[in-house]
Amino acid sequence: MLNPLHCPDCLSEHVEEYSHYETKSNGSRTLYRCTACQTIFLRPKASFIEGLKKPISFIIHVLKARSEGLGFNATCRTFEISKNTLLNWERRFALLKGPLMIYALLHTFLTQLIEGDEVYTKVGKNDPAEASEGWTILLMDRASRFVWALDCGKKDRDLFLSAIQKLKEIILRTGDVHISH
């Protein structure tokens, strides 16, 4: 069997176990040493995208076509990929179906009501509110109390625009906006 490890520095496959140590929460870990360049390293954590040769955007495009009804063989012909490749992608990404479905449902059925507010605090001395340098602009979801933005500084155009920019990013990410007063 081939050694799946390779050195992160020189990419050599000539790797051997170097030592072991115990962690507080993850149990025993093994250090490896490259016999070519003597680099000592840990085995990288495996992820579902490890070792993919195609861009993730392409893979998502292919899997979306499959989920919309394109047959297995037709998908392989259309996107010019092998049957083994498509089967491998479907197996890898099948584990994400549950979390992605929950995210899609939450995004569809739950709404956020984001409130904006500004407050000022005394900085150094008791100045009038207009002269204070301790202004804070807060954007927060009403139900969960999740803080989307908390920008501090002098009450000026830049501070206000940074909060508006964050709100714009939220709107673009969710694709929905309803303004209430």
N, C-alpha and C. Protein backbone atom coordinates (compact mmCIF):
# COMPACT_ATOMS: atom_id res chain seq x y z
N MET A 1 0.85 -1.19 0.00
CA MET A 1 0.00 0.00 0.00
C MET A 1 0.88 1.24 0.00
N LEU A 2 0.52 2.23 -0.80
CA LEU A 2 1.28 3.46 -0.87
C LEU A 2 1.09 4.28 0.39
N ASN A 3 2.14 4.99 0.79
CA ASN A 3 2.07 5.88 1.94
C ASN A 3 1.34 7.15 1.51
N PRO A 4 0.16 7.47 2.09
CA PRO A 4 -0.58 8.65 1.68
C PRO A 4 0.05 9.94 2.18
N LEU A 5 1.02 9.84 3.09
CA LEU A 5 1.67 11.04 3.62
C LEU A 5 2.76 11.52 2.69
N HIS A 6 2.91 12.82 2.64
CA HIS A 6 4.05 13.41 1.94
C HIS A 6 4.49 14.64 2.73
N CYS A 7 5.73 14.99 2.59
CA CYS A 7 6.31 16.10 3.34
C CYS A 7 5.69 17.42 2.87
N PRO A 8 5.26 18.28 3.79
CA PRO A 8 4.67 19.56 3.38
C PRO A 8 5.69 20.53 2.79
N ASP A 9 6.99 20.30 3.06
CA ASP A 9 8.03 21.19 2.53
C ASP A 9 8.55 20.76 1.17
N CYS A 10 9.04 19.50 1.08
CA CYS A 10 9.66 19.05 -0.17
C CYS A 10 8.78 18.10 -0.97
N LEU A 11 7.61 17.74 -0.43
CA LEU A 11 6.63 16.84 -1.07
C LEU A 11 7.14 15.41 -1.27
N SER A 12 8.20 15.05 -0.60
CA SER A 12 8.72 13.69 -0.66
C SER A 12 7.77 12.74 0.03
N GLU A 13 7.70 11.51 -0.49
CA GLU A 13 6.88 10.48 0.14
C GLU A 13 7.70 9.63 1.10
N HIS A 14 8.96 9.96 1.29
CA HIS A 14 9.82 9.22 2.21
C HIS A 14 9.63 9.80 3.61
N VAL A 15 8.61 9.28 4.29
CA VAL A 15 8.20 9.79 5.59
C VAL A 15 8.16 8.63 6.58
N GLU A 16 8.59 8.91 7.82
CA GLU A 16 8.54 7.89 8.87
C GLU A 16 7.99 8.50 10.15
N GLU A 17 7.48 7.62 11.04
CA GLU A 17 7.02 8.10 12.33
C GLU A 17 8.22 8.60 13.12
N TYR A 18 8.03 9.73 13.80
CA TYR A 18 9.13 10.33 14.56
C TYR A 18 8.91 10.18 16.06
N SER A 19 7.73 10.59 16.56
CA SER A 19 7.42 10.43 17.98
C SER A 19 5.92 10.57 18.20
N HIS A 20 5.49 10.31 19.45
CA HIS A 20 4.08 10.41 19.84
C HIS A 20 3.97 11.34 21.03
N TYR A 21 2.82 12.01 21.15
CA TYR A 21 2.56 12.80 22.34
C TYR A 21 1.06 12.81 22.60
N GLU A 22 0.67 13.14 23.83
CA GLU A 22 -0.73 13.17 24.23
C GLU A 22 -1.22 14.62 24.26
N THR A 23 -2.44 14.83 23.78
CA THR A 23 -3.07 16.14 23.87
C THR A 23 -4.16 16.09 24.93
N LYS A 24 -4.62 17.24 25.38
CA LYS A 24 -5.65 17.27 26.41
C LYS A 24 -6.99 16.76 25.90
N SER A 25 -7.36 17.14 24.68
CA SER A 25 -8.70 16.80 24.22
C SER A 25 -8.75 15.90 22.98
N ASN A 26 -7.64 15.70 22.28
CA ASN A 26 -7.68 14.91 21.05
C ASN A 26 -6.91 13.60 21.13
N GLY A 27 -6.52 13.18 22.31
CA GLY A 27 -5.83 11.90 22.47
C GLY A 27 -4.40 11.94 21.96
N SER A 28 -3.93 10.80 21.52
CA SER A 28 -2.54 10.66 21.07
C SER A 28 -2.37 11.22 19.66
N ARG A 29 -1.27 11.91 19.44
CA ARG A 29 -0.92 12.44 18.11
C ARG A 29 0.45 11.90 17.72
N THR A 30 0.66 11.73 16.44
CA THR A 30 1.93 11.23 15.94
C THR A 30 2.63 12.31 15.13
N LEU A 31 3.90 12.52 15.43
CA LEU A 31 4.75 13.40 14.63
C LEU A 31 5.45 12.55 13.59
N TYR A 32 5.59 13.09 12.38
CA TYR A 32 6.28 12.39 11.29
C TYR A 32 7.51 13.19 10.89
N ARG A 33 8.49 12.47 10.33
CA ARG A 33 9.72 13.12 9.87
C ARG A 33 10.00 12.71 8.43
N CYS A 34 10.33 13.70 7.62
CA CYS A 34 10.71 13.46 6.24
C CYS A 34 12.17 13.02 6.23
N THR A 35 12.47 11.87 5.65
CA THR A 35 13.86 11.40 5.62
C THR A 35 14.68 12.15 4.58
N ALA A 36 14.02 12.85 3.68
CA ALA A 36 14.74 13.59 2.65
C ALA A 36 15.23 14.95 3.16
N CYS A 37 14.35 15.72 3.83
CA CYS A 37 14.74 17.07 4.26
C CYS A 37 14.72 17.25 5.78
N GLN A 38 14.37 16.21 6.52
CA GLN A 38 14.36 16.20 7.99
C GLN A 38 13.27 17.07 8.61
N THR A 39 12.29 17.52 7.86
CA THR A 39 11.19 18.29 8.40
C THR A 39 10.31 17.40 9.28
N ILE A 40 9.89 17.93 10.42
CA ILE A 40 9.00 17.21 11.32
C ILE A 40 7.62 17.86 11.23
N PHE A 41 6.57 17.05 11.09
CA PHE A 41 5.23 17.59 10.88
C PHE A 41 4.17 16.63 11.40
N LEU A 42 2.93 17.14 11.51
CA LEU A 42 1.76 16.34 11.88
C LEU A 42 1.03 15.91 10.63
N ARG A 43 0.30 14.81 10.73
CA ARG A 43 -0.56 14.37 9.62
C ARG A 43 -1.66 15.42 9.48
N PRO A 44 -1.92 15.89 8.27
CA PRO A 44 -2.98 16.89 8.09
C PRO A 44 -4.35 16.28 8.38
N LYS A 45 -5.25 17.10 8.88
CA LYS A 45 -6.62 16.66 9.14
C LYS A 45 -7.32 16.40 7.81
N ALA A 46 -8.03 15.30 7.73
CA ALA A 46 -8.77 14.97 6.51
C ALA A 46 -10.05 15.80 6.44
N SER A 47 -10.38 16.26 5.27
CA SER A 47 -11.65 16.96 5.06
C SER A 47 -12.30 16.38 3.82
N PHE A 48 -13.57 16.67 3.63
CA PHE A 48 -14.28 16.10 2.49
C PHE A 48 -13.77 16.63 1.16
N ILE A 49 -13.03 17.74 1.16
CA ILE A 49 -12.51 18.28 -0.11
C ILE A 49 -11.03 17.96 -0.32
N GLU A 50 -10.44 17.22 0.62
CA GLU A 50 -9.02 16.89 0.50
C GLU A 50 -8.79 16.05 -0.75
N GLY A 51 -7.80 16.42 -1.53
CA GLY A 51 -7.41 15.64 -2.70
C GLY A 51 -8.23 15.90 -3.96
N LEU A 52 -9.17 16.81 -3.92
CA LEU A 52 -9.95 17.10 -5.13
C LEU A 52 -9.07 17.84 -6.14
N LYS A 53 -9.19 17.45 -7.40
CA LYS A 53 -8.36 18.08 -8.43
C LYS A 53 -9.12 19.16 -9.21
N LYS A 54 -10.43 19.10 -9.18
CA LYS A 54 -11.26 20.10 -9.87
C LYS A 54 -11.66 21.18 -8.89
N PRO A 55 -11.92 22.40 -9.37
CA PRO A 55 -12.40 23.46 -8.47
C PRO A 55 -13.74 23.09 -7.84
N ILE A 56 -13.91 23.49 -6.60
CA ILE A 56 -15.15 23.17 -5.88
C ILE A 56 -16.36 23.75 -6.60
N SER A 57 -16.22 24.91 -7.25
CA SER A 57 -17.34 25.51 -7.97
C SER A 57 -17.80 24.61 -9.13
N PHE A 58 -16.85 23.95 -9.79
CA PHE A 58 -17.18 23.03 -10.88
C PHE A 58 -17.92 21.82 -10.33
N ILE A 59 -17.43 21.29 -9.22
CA ILE A 59 -18.05 20.10 -8.62
C ILE A 59 -19.48 20.42 -8.19
N ILE A 60 -19.68 21.59 -7.60
CA ILE A 60 -21.03 21.99 -7.18
C ILE A 60 -21.95 22.10 -8.40
N HIS A 61 -21.42 22.64 -9.49
CA HIS A 61 -22.19 22.77 -10.73
C HIS A 61 -22.63 21.38 -11.23
N VAL A 62 -21.71 20.42 -11.21
CA VAL A 62 -22.00 19.06 -11.65
C VAL A 62 -23.05 18.41 -10.74
N LEU A 63 -22.85 18.52 -9.42
CA LEU A 63 -23.78 17.90 -8.48
C LEU A 63 -25.16 18.56 -8.53
N LYS A 64 -25.19 19.85 -8.81
CA LYS A 64 -26.49 20.53 -8.96
C LYS A 64 -27.22 19.98 -10.18
N ALA A 65 -26.51 19.75 -11.27
CA ALA A 65 -27.13 19.17 -12.47
C ALA A 65 -27.70 17.79 -12.16
N ARG A 66 -26.96 17.00 -11.37
CA ARG A 66 -27.45 15.67 -10.97
C ARG A 66 -28.71 15.79 -10.13
N SER A 67 -28.73 16.74 -9.20
CA SER A 67 -29.89 16.87 -8.32
C SER A 67 -31.11 17.41 -9.06
N GLU A 68 -30.89 18.03 -10.21
CA GLU A 68 -32.00 18.55 -11.01
C GLU A 68 -32.49 17.54 -12.05
N GLY A 69 -31.94 16.30 -11.98
CA GLY A 69 -32.49 15.24 -12.83
C GLY A 69 -31.61 14.75 -13.96
N LEU A 70 -30.44 15.33 -14.18
CA LEU A 70 -29.55 14.85 -15.23
C LEU A 70 -29.05 13.47 -14.84
N GLY A 71 -29.16 12.51 -15.72
CA GLY A 71 -28.77 11.13 -15.43
C GLY A 71 -27.27 10.99 -15.19
N PHE A 72 -26.90 9.87 -14.61
CA PHE A 72 -25.50 9.62 -14.25
C PHE A 72 -24.59 9.64 -15.48
N ASN A 73 -24.92 8.84 -16.48
CA ASN A 73 -24.09 8.77 -17.70
C ASN A 73 -24.11 10.10 -18.46
N ALA A 74 -25.27 10.74 -18.52
CA ALA A 74 -25.38 12.02 -19.22
C ALA A 74 -24.53 13.08 -18.52
N THR A 75 -24.48 13.05 -17.20
CA THR A 75 -23.65 14.00 -16.46
C THR A 75 -22.18 13.80 -16.79
N CYS A 76 -21.75 12.54 -16.84
CA CYS A 76 -20.35 12.25 -17.17
C CYS A 76 -19.99 12.74 -18.57
N ARG A 77 -20.89 12.51 -19.53
CA ARG A 77 -20.65 12.97 -20.90
C ARG A 77 -20.65 14.49 -20.98
N THR A 78 -21.64 15.13 -20.37
CA THR A 78 -21.82 16.57 -20.46
C THR A 78 -20.63 17.32 -19.87
N PHE A 79 -20.18 16.88 -18.71
CA PHE A 79 -19.11 17.59 -18.01
C PHE A 79 -17.73 16.97 -18.25
N GLU A 80 -17.69 15.93 -19.10
CA GLU A 80 -16.43 15.27 -19.48
C GLU A 80 -15.63 14.82 -18.27
N ILE A 81 -16.31 14.04 -17.42
CA ILE A 81 -15.66 13.45 -16.25
C ILE A 81 -15.90 11.95 -16.27
N SER A 82 -15.06 11.21 -15.57
CA SER A 82 -15.23 9.75 -15.54
C SER A 82 -16.34 9.36 -14.58
N LYS A 83 -16.85 8.15 -14.76
CA LYS A 83 -17.90 7.65 -13.89
C LYS A 83 -17.39 7.49 -12.46
N ASN A 84 -16.15 7.04 -12.31
CA ASN A 84 -15.57 6.89 -10.97
C ASN A 84 -15.45 8.24 -10.27
N THR A 85 -15.10 9.28 -11.01
CA THR A 85 -14.98 10.61 -10.43
C THR A 85 -16.33 11.09 -9.91
N LEU A 86 -17.37 10.96 -10.73
CA LEU A 86 -18.70 11.40 -10.30
C LEU A 86 -19.18 10.60 -9.10
N LEU A 87 -18.96 9.30 -9.12
CA LEU A 87 -19.36 8.46 -8.00
C LEU A 87 -18.63 8.87 -6.72
N ASN A 88 -17.34 9.16 -6.84
CA ASN A 88 -16.54 9.61 -5.70
C ASN A 88 -17.09 10.93 -5.14
N TRP A 89 -17.40 11.89 -6.02
CA TRP A 89 -17.92 13.18 -5.57
C TRP A 89 -19.26 12.99 -4.87
N GLU A 90 -20.14 12.17 -5.44
CA GLU A 90 -21.45 11.96 -4.83
C GLU A 90 -21.32 11.33 -3.45
N ARG A 91 -20.41 10.39 -3.29
CA ARG A 91 -20.20 9.77 -1.98
C ARG A 91 -19.66 10.77 -0.97
N ARG A 92 -18.68 11.57 -1.39
CA ARG A 92 -18.09 12.56 -0.47
C ARG A 92 -19.09 13.60 -0.01
N PHE A 93 -19.85 14.14 -0.96
CA PHE A 93 -20.74 15.25 -0.65
C PHE A 93 -22.08 14.78 -0.09
N ALA A 94 -22.36 13.48 -0.13
CA ALA A 94 -23.60 12.96 0.45
C ALA A 94 -23.65 13.23 1.94
N LEU A 95 -22.50 13.24 2.61
CA LEU A 95 -22.46 13.49 4.04
C LEU A 95 -22.90 14.92 4.39
N LEU A 96 -22.86 15.81 3.42
CA LEU A 96 -23.24 17.21 3.66
C LEU A 96 -24.72 17.48 3.39
N LYS A 97 -25.42 16.48 2.88
CA LYS A 97 -26.82 16.70 2.50
C LYS A 97 -27.66 17.18 3.68
N GLY A 98 -27.52 16.56 4.84
CA GLY A 98 -28.29 16.94 6.02
C GLY A 98 -28.06 18.38 6.45
N PRO A 99 -26.79 18.75 6.72
CA PRO A 99 -26.54 20.14 7.12
C PRO A 99 -26.96 21.17 6.07
N LEU A 100 -26.76 20.85 4.79
CA LEU A 100 -27.16 21.79 3.74
C LEU A 100 -28.67 21.93 3.66
N MET A 101 -29.39 20.83 3.89
CA MET A 101 -30.85 20.88 3.86
C MET A 101 -31.36 21.73 5.02
N ILE A 102 -30.79 21.55 6.20
CA ILE A 102 -31.20 22.35 7.36
C ILE A 102 -30.94 23.83 7.10
N TYR A 103 -29.77 24.15 6.53
CA TYR A 103 -29.45 25.54 6.23
C TYR A 103 -30.46 26.12 5.25
N ALA A 104 -30.80 25.36 4.21
CA ALA A 104 -31.75 25.84 3.20
C ALA A 104 -33.12 26.09 3.83
N LEU A 105 -33.56 25.18 4.72
CA LEU A 105 -34.86 25.36 5.36
C LEU A 105 -34.84 26.57 6.29
N LEU A 106 -33.77 26.73 7.05
CA LEU A 106 -33.69 27.88 7.95
C LEU A 106 -33.72 29.18 7.18
N HIS A 107 -33.00 29.21 6.08
CA HIS A 107 -32.95 30.41 5.26
C HIS A 107 -34.32 30.72 4.65
N THR A 108 -35.09 29.66 4.35
CA THR A 108 -36.39 29.84 3.72
C THR A 108 -37.46 30.26 4.72
N PHE A 109 -37.48 29.63 5.90
CA PHE A 109 -38.60 29.81 6.81
C PHE A 109 -38.35 30.74 7.98
N LEU A 110 -37.13 31.05 8.30
CA LEU A 110 -36.84 31.92 9.41
C LEU A 110 -36.37 33.28 8.91
N THR A 111 -36.81 34.31 9.56
CA THR A 111 -36.39 35.64 9.16
C THR A 111 -35.63 36.29 10.30
N GLN A 112 -34.84 37.25 9.94
CA GLN A 112 -34.12 38.03 10.93
C GLN A 112 -34.66 39.45 10.89
N LEU A 113 -34.77 40.04 12.05
CA LEU A 113 -35.13 41.44 12.14
C LEU A 113 -33.91 42.14 12.72
N ILE A 114 -33.20 42.86 11.87
CA ILE A 114 -31.96 43.51 12.29
C ILE A 114 -32.27 44.94 12.70
N GLU A 115 -31.88 45.26 13.92
CA GLU A 115 -32.09 46.61 14.44
C GLU A 115 -30.75 47.34 14.46
N GLY A 116 -30.80 48.61 14.21
CA GLY A 116 -29.62 49.45 14.29
C GLY A 116 -29.79 50.48 15.38
N ASP A 117 -28.72 50.77 16.09
CA ASP A 117 -28.77 51.77 17.15
C ASP A 117 -27.40 52.41 17.28
N GLU A 118 -27.38 53.59 17.87
CA GLU A 118 -26.13 54.27 18.14
C GLU A 118 -26.13 54.70 19.60
N VAL A 119 -24.98 54.59 20.23
CA VAL A 119 -24.84 55.01 21.63
C VAL A 119 -23.50 55.71 21.77
N TYR A 120 -23.39 56.52 22.81
CA TYR A 120 -22.09 57.13 23.06
C TYR A 120 -21.73 56.94 24.51
N THR A 121 -20.44 56.91 24.74
CA THR A 121 -19.93 56.79 26.11
C THR A 121 -18.94 57.91 26.36
N LYS A 122 -18.78 58.19 27.60
CA LYS A 122 -17.83 59.23 28.01
C LYS A 122 -16.41 58.68 27.83
N VAL A 123 -15.57 59.44 27.13
CA VAL A 123 -14.18 59.06 26.94
C VAL A 123 -13.31 60.17 27.53
N GLY A 124 -12.63 59.88 28.62
CA GLY A 124 -11.74 60.86 29.24
C GLY A 124 -12.47 61.86 30.10
N LYS A 125 -13.30 62.68 29.49
CA LYS A 125 -14.03 63.70 30.24
C LYS A 125 -15.48 63.74 29.79
N ASN A 126 -16.30 64.42 30.54
CA ASN A 126 -17.72 64.46 30.28
C ASN A 126 -18.04 65.52 29.23
N ASP A 127 -17.88 65.18 27.95
CA ASP A 127 -18.19 66.08 26.85
C ASP A 127 -19.65 65.91 26.46
N PRO A 128 -20.22 66.89 25.75
CA PRO A 128 -21.56 66.70 25.20
C PRO A 128 -21.54 65.55 24.17
N ALA A 129 -22.68 64.93 23.94
CA ALA A 129 -22.76 63.78 23.04
C ALA A 129 -22.16 64.06 21.67
N GLU A 130 -22.42 65.25 21.13
CA GLU A 130 -21.93 65.58 19.78
C GLU A 130 -20.41 65.62 19.71
N ALA A 131 -19.73 65.91 20.81
CA ALA A 131 -18.28 66.04 20.83
C ALA A 131 -17.58 64.76 21.28
N SER A 132 -18.35 63.74 21.69
CA SER A 132 -17.75 62.51 22.22
C SER A 132 -17.06 61.71 21.12
N GLU A 133 -15.94 61.11 21.44
CA GLU A 133 -15.24 60.23 20.51
C GLU A 133 -15.62 58.77 20.74
N GLY A 134 -16.49 58.52 21.69
CA GLY A 134 -16.85 57.16 22.06
C GLY A 134 -18.18 56.70 21.52
N TRP A 135 -18.41 56.86 20.23
CA TRP A 135 -19.67 56.43 19.63
C TRP A 135 -19.57 54.97 19.19
N THR A 136 -20.70 54.27 19.29
CA THR A 136 -20.78 52.87 18.86
C THR A 136 -22.04 52.71 18.02
N ILE A 137 -21.88 52.11 16.85
CA ILE A 137 -23.03 51.77 16.02
C ILE A 137 -23.18 50.25 16.09
N LEU A 138 -24.41 49.81 16.37
CA LEU A 138 -24.70 48.41 16.62
C LEU A 138 -25.78 47.93 15.66
N LEU A 139 -25.52 46.81 14.97
CA LEU A 139 -26.54 46.12 14.17
C LEU A 139 -26.73 44.75 14.80
N MET A 140 -27.97 44.44 15.22
CA MET A 140 -28.19 43.21 15.97
C MET A 140 -29.53 42.59 15.58
N ASP A 141 -29.56 41.24 15.47
CA ASP A 141 -30.80 40.52 15.23
C ASP A 141 -31.65 40.57 16.49
N ARG A 142 -32.90 40.95 16.35
CA ARG A 142 -33.77 41.16 17.51
C ARG A 142 -34.01 39.86 18.29
N ALA A 143 -34.30 38.76 17.60
CA ALA A 143 -34.68 37.52 18.30
C ALA A 143 -33.48 36.83 18.94
N SER A 144 -32.43 36.62 18.18
CA SER A 144 -31.29 35.85 18.70
C SER A 144 -30.28 36.73 19.45
N ARG A 145 -30.37 38.03 19.28
CA ARG A 145 -29.42 39.00 19.85
C ARG A 145 -28.03 38.84 19.23
N PHE A 146 -27.96 38.22 18.04
CA PHE A 146 -26.69 38.07 17.34
C PHE A 146 -26.22 39.44 16.86
N VAL A 147 -25.00 39.80 17.18
CA VAL A 147 -24.46 41.10 16.80
C VAL A 147 -23.79 40.98 15.42
N TRP A 148 -24.36 41.67 14.44
CA TRP A 148 -23.81 41.67 13.09
C TRP A 148 -22.69 42.68 12.95
N ALA A 149 -22.82 43.80 13.60
CA ALA A 149 -21.78 44.83 13.49
C ALA A 149 -21.73 45.61 14.80
N LEU A 150 -20.53 45.96 15.19
CA LEU A 150 -20.31 46.76 16.39
C LEU A 150 -19.08 47.61 16.09
N ASP A 151 -19.33 48.78 15.52
CA ASP A 151 -18.25 49.66 15.11
C ASP A 151 -18.16 50.85 16.05
N CYS A 152 -16.96 51.14 16.47
CA CYS A 152 -16.74 52.22 17.43
C CYS A 152 -15.85 53.30 16.82
N GLY A 153 -16.03 54.52 17.32
CA GLY A 153 -15.18 55.63 16.87
C GLY A 153 -15.89 56.95 17.01
N LYS A 154 -15.32 57.95 16.38
CA LYS A 154 -15.90 59.29 16.39
C LYS A 154 -17.14 59.30 15.49
N LYS A 155 -18.17 60.02 15.93
CA LYS A 155 -19.42 60.07 15.16
C LYS A 155 -19.17 60.89 13.90
N ASP A 156 -18.94 60.16 12.81
CA ASP A 156 -18.71 60.82 11.53
C ASP A 156 -19.24 59.93 10.40
N ARG A 157 -19.05 60.39 9.20
CA ARG A 157 -19.53 59.69 8.01
C ARG A 157 -18.93 58.29 7.89
N ASP A 158 -17.64 58.12 8.17
CA ASP A 158 -16.98 56.82 8.03
C ASP A 158 -17.59 55.77 8.95
N LEU A 159 -17.90 56.16 10.18
CA LEU A 159 -18.49 55.22 11.14
C LEU A 159 -19.87 54.78 10.66
N PHE A 160 -20.66 55.71 10.19
CA PHE A 160 -22.00 55.40 9.69
C PHE A 160 -21.91 54.52 8.44
N LEU A 161 -21.01 54.86 7.51
CA LEU A 161 -20.87 54.09 6.27
C LEU A 161 -20.39 52.67 6.52
N SER A 162 -19.57 52.45 7.54
CA SER A 162 -19.11 51.09 7.83
C SER A 162 -20.29 50.22 8.27
N ALA A 163 -21.22 50.78 9.04
CA ALA A 163 -22.41 50.03 9.45
C ALA A 163 -23.32 49.76 8.26
N ILE A 164 -23.49 50.73 7.40
CA ILE A 164 -24.33 50.56 6.21
C ILE A 164 -23.71 49.52 5.27
N GLN A 165 -22.39 49.51 5.13
CA GLN A 165 -21.71 48.53 4.30
C GLN A 165 -21.94 47.12 4.83
N LYS A 166 -21.88 46.94 6.14
CA LYS A 166 -22.13 45.64 6.75
C LYS A 166 -23.56 45.21 6.49
N LEU A 167 -24.50 46.12 6.62
CA LEU A 167 -25.91 45.82 6.35
C LEU A 167 -26.10 45.42 4.88
N LYS A 168 -25.40 46.11 4.00
CA LYS A 168 -25.46 45.77 2.57
C LYS A 168 -24.97 44.35 2.34
N GLU A 169 -23.87 43.95 3.00
CA GLU A 169 -23.33 42.59 2.87
C GLU A 169 -24.34 41.55 3.35
N ILE A 170 -25.02 41.84 4.44
CA ILE A 170 -26.03 40.92 4.97
C ILE A 170 -27.16 40.76 3.97
N ILE A 171 -27.62 41.87 3.41
CA ILE A 171 -28.72 41.83 2.43
C ILE A 171 -28.30 41.05 1.19
N LEU A 172 -27.10 41.29 0.69
CA LEU A 172 -26.63 40.57 -0.50
C LEU A 172 -26.48 39.08 -0.22
N ARG A 173 -26.04 38.72 0.98
CA ARG A 173 -25.86 37.32 1.34
C ARG A 173 -27.19 36.59 1.45
N THR A 174 -28.19 37.24 2.01
CA THR A 174 -29.48 36.59 2.21
C THR A 174 -30.42 36.76 1.02
N GLY A 175 -30.20 37.80 0.24
CA GLY A 175 -31.06 38.03 -0.92
C GLY A 175 -32.44 38.54 -0.58
N ASP A 176 -32.62 39.07 0.61
CA ASP A 176 -33.96 39.51 1.02
C ASP A 176 -33.84 40.73 1.92
N VAL A 177 -34.78 41.64 1.76
CA VAL A 177 -34.82 42.80 2.63
C VAL A 177 -36.25 43.32 2.72
N HIS A 178 -36.69 43.57 3.93
CA HIS A 178 -37.96 44.24 4.21
C HIS A 178 -37.65 45.29 5.25
N ILE A 179 -37.95 46.53 4.97
CA ILE A 179 -37.63 47.60 5.91
C ILE A 179 -38.87 47.94 6.72
N SER A 180 -38.70 47.96 8.05
CA SER A 180 -39.81 48.37 8.92
C SER A 180 -39.31 49.48 9.82
N HIS A 181 -40.23 50.30 10.26
CA HIS A 181 -39.86 51.44 11.10
C HIS A 181 -40.33 51.25 12.50
